[in-house]
Amino acid sequence: MLARKASETMLQDWADLMASHLSVEGDAALLAEAMALAQHLDPHLFDTLYHALALAAPVAVPLTADGSMAARLGNLERLQHYSLTGP
């Protein structure tokens, strides 16, 4: 939500949240990368969490059915037989 609604203050907002000593499950660096992708590419953070994880995993093959996302990131494999808009 920070990336979509407060992109100009997102990084400082995130730093403030991390400074609050809340417990974070998972890797904070992965979440930060997902936030950067969301800010740069304008999808929902939920979508970019998947992409950030897939891009960070050395043996993963990142896949998407979203043609525009595949074109924007460039290093995602496009699922040719699936479409977000139907057949």
Protein backbone atom coordinates (compact mmCIF):
# COMPACT_ATOMS: atom_id res chain seq x y z
CA MET A 1 0.00 0.00 0.00
CA LEU A 2 2.90 2.36 0.74
CA ALA A 3 4.24 1.89 -2.78
CA ARG A 4 0.93 2.73 -4.42
CA LYS A 5 -0.42 5.45 -2.12
CA ALA A 6 2.71 7.13 -0.71
CA SER A 7 5.48 6.35 -3.18
CA GLU A 8 7.36 9.59 -2.55
CA THR A 9 7.67 8.84 1.19
CA MET A 10 7.62 5.05 0.96
CA LEU A 11 11.27 4.40 1.78
CA GLN A 12 11.26 6.69 4.80
CA ASP A 13 7.94 5.22 5.94
CA TRP A 14 9.45 1.75 5.65
CA ALA A 15 12.55 2.81 7.60
CA ASP A 16 10.30 4.22 10.32
CA LEU A 17 8.36 0.95 10.46
CA MET A 18 11.56 -1.08 10.76
CA ALA A 19 12.82 1.23 13.50
CA SER A 20 9.69 0.47 15.52
CA HIS A 21 11.15 -2.97 16.39
CA LEU A 22 8.12 -4.89 15.18
CA SER A 23 8.65 -8.57 14.55
CA VAL A 24 8.87 -9.25 10.81
CA GLU A 25 8.37 -12.77 9.50
CA GLY A 26 10.63 -13.59 6.60
CA ASP A 27 13.35 -11.52 5.03
CA ALA A 28 13.09 -7.74 5.36
CA ALA A 29 15.45 -7.34 2.37
CA LEU A 30 13.02 -9.33 0.22
CA LEU A 31 10.15 -7.10 1.29
CA ALA A 32 12.24 -4.00 0.55
CA GLU A 33 12.98 -5.36 -2.96
CA ALA A 34 9.28 -6.05 -3.50
CA MET A 35 8.47 -2.50 -2.43
CA ALA A 36 11.03 -1.13 -4.91
CA LEU A 37 9.49 -3.25 -7.70
CA ALA A 38 6.00 -2.05 -6.76
CA GLN A 39 7.14 1.56 -6.81
CA HIS A 40 8.93 1.18 -10.16
CA LEU A 41 6.44 -1.06 -11.99
CA ASP A 42 3.14 0.00 -10.32
CA PRO A 43 1.59 -3.41 -9.58
CA HIS A 44 0.22 -4.32 -6.15
CA LEU A 45 2.84 -5.17 -3.53
CA PHE A 46 1.32 -8.65 -3.22
CA ASP A 47 2.27 -9.31 -6.86
CA THR A 48 5.78 -7.96 -6.45
CA LEU A 49 6.40 -10.07 -3.32
CA TYR A 50 6.11 -13.15 -5.53
CA HIS A 51 8.35 -11.63 -8.20
CA ALA A 52 10.99 -10.48 -5.69
CA LEU A 53 11.10 -13.96 -4.15
CA ALA A 54 11.28 -15.66 -7.54
CA LEU A 55 14.04 -13.31 -8.74
CA ALA A 56 16.06 -13.82 -5.53
CA ALA A 57 15.97 -17.63 -5.60
CA PRO A 58 19.00 -18.95 -7.52
CA VAL A 59 17.22 -22.06 -8.84
CA ALA A 60 13.76 -20.59 -9.41
CA VAL A 61 12.32 -19.93 -12.84
CA PRO A 62 10.09 -16.88 -12.39
CA LEU A 63 6.77 -17.36 -14.22
CA THR A 64 3.88 -15.05 -14.95
CA ALA A 65 0.72 -15.05 -17.04
CA ASP A 66 0.83 -11.25 -17.07
CA GLY A 67 2.32 -10.25 -20.42
CA SER A 68 2.85 -6.63 -19.42
CA MET A 69 4.69 -7.67 -16.23
CA ALA A 70 6.89 -10.07 -18.20
CA ALA A 71 7.72 -7.27 -20.64
CA ARG A 72 8.47 -4.76 -17.87
CA LEU A 73 10.71 -7.07 -15.83
CA GLY A 74 12.25 -8.80 -18.83
CA ASN A 75 13.53 -11.78 -16.85
CA LEU A 76 10.24 -13.56 -16.17
CA GLU A 77 9.12 -16.50 -18.26
CA ARG A 78 5.71 -15.90 -19.80
CA LEU A 79 3.16 -18.69 -19.44
CA GLN A 80 2.06 -18.94 -23.06
CA HIS A 81 -1.05 -21.06 -22.48
CA TYR A 82 -2.55 -18.89 -19.75
CA SER A 83 -4.06 -15.45 -19.94
CA LEU A 84 -5.30 -13.01 -17.34
CA THR A 85 -8.03 -11.91 -19.76
CA GLY A 86 -9.33 -15.30 -20.84
CA PRO A 87 -8.86 -17.47 -23.93
